[in-house]
Amino acid sequence: MAEPSSTPSSSTPSSSTPSSAAPSSPTGGPATPPKVLPWVVMYTVGRVGIFAVLTLVLWLVGLDFWSGLLFGLLLSMPVSYFALRFARERLNEALAARSMARRTAKEDLRARLSGPAAD
């Protein structure tokens, strides 16, 4: 019965206070941040695709080359803001998780390099 009170989970919050805000994996270790590159590619391809489709539609309607490009660019901004909301939110989450993981790793490295604390 004494073993459950001496589990690592009871000593973990006191020894690693800064990393307690970091998400953990199902195995109990630190969670790996989501991949950023697939969301960057999806968002970029989506923005370019929306621009191309709108520009093509404007050319088919009868606008000349430069007017079609200009209005296609201007119209693609609000359309992609609403159409690519899911990809933009996942990209923001991935970047925030990556930033938190790097900050936690940096704090851990600084703590290890500073040596044991002299109390």
Foldseek 3Di string as FASTA:
>chain_A
DVVVCPDVVVVVCVVCVLCVPADPDPVGHGDDFDDQVVLVVVLVVVLVVQLVVQLVVVVVVPDDNVVSNVVSNVVSVVVSVVVVVVSVVSNVRSVVNVVSVVVSVVVVVVVVVVPDDDD
